[in-house]
């Protein structure tokens, strides 16, 4: 795997986790 590919995968995983947490917080507050 190239460094660019690794960064892309990590970035995607980070964004997915962030969206997941955001949705949970949003549901808890509504």
C-alpha atoms as a PDB file:
ATOM      1  CA  UNK A   1       0.000   0.000   0.000  1.00  0.00           C
ATOM      2  CA  UNK A   2       1.243   3.482  -0.824  1.00  0.00           C
ATOM      3  CA  UNK A   3       1.307   6.237   1.818  1.00  0.00           C
ATOM      4  CA  UNK A   4      -1.410   8.077  -0.088  1.00  0.00           C
ATOM      5  CA  UNK A   5      -3.638   5.005   0.034  1.00  0.00           C
ATOM      6  CA  UNK A   6      -3.054   4.584   3.772  1.00  0.00           C
ATOM      7  CA  UNK A   7      -3.904   8.227   4.451  1.00  0.00           C
ATOM      8  CA  UNK A   8      -7.032   7.898   2.323  1.00  0.00           C
ATOM      9  CA  UNK A   9      -8.194   4.829   4.256  1.00  0.00           C
ATOM     10  CA  UNK A  10      -7.468   6.421   7.636  1.00  0.00           C
ATOM     11  CA  UNK A  11      -9.206   9.633   6.596  1.00  0.00           C
ATOM     12  CA  UNK A  12     -12.296   7.737   5.481  1.00  0.00           C
ATOM     13  CA  UNK A  13     -12.418   5.766   8.727  1.00  0.00           C
ATOM     14  CA  UNK A  14     -12.032   8.960  10.776  1.00  0.00           C
ATOM     15  CA  UNK A  15     -14.843  10.692   8.898  1.00  0.00           C
ATOM     16  CA  UNK A  16     -17.094   7.652   9.297  1.00  0.00           C
ATOM     17  CA  UNK A  17     -16.475   7.557  13.060  1.00  0.00           C
ATOM     18  CA  UNK A  18     -17.079  11.313  13.327  1.00  0.00           C
ATOM     19  CA  UNK A  19     -20.412  11.055  11.477  1.00  0.00           C
ATOM     20  CA  UNK A  20     -21.407   8.068  13.632  1.00  0.00           C
ATOM     21  CA  UNK A  21     -20.681   9.973  16.853  1.00  0.00           C
ATOM     22  CA  UNK A  22     -22.414  13.102  15.550  1.00  0.00           C
ATOM     23  CA  UNK A  23     -25.575  11.140  14.716  1.00  0.00           C
ATOM     24  CA  UNK A  24     -25.632   9.551  18.181  1.00  0.00           C
ATOM     25  CA  UNK A  25     -25.268  12.939  19.885  1.00  0.00           C
ATOM     26  CA  UNK A  26     -27.972  14.419  17.662  1.00  0.00           C
ATOM     27  CA  UNK A  27     -30.400  11.591  18.474  1.00  0.00           C
ATOM     28  CA  UNK A  28     -29.722  11.939  22.205  1.00  0.00           C
ATOM     29  CA  UNK A  29     -30.493  15.660  22.143  1.00  0.00           C
ATOM     30  CA  UNK A  30     -33.756  15.392  20.227  1.00  0.00           C
END
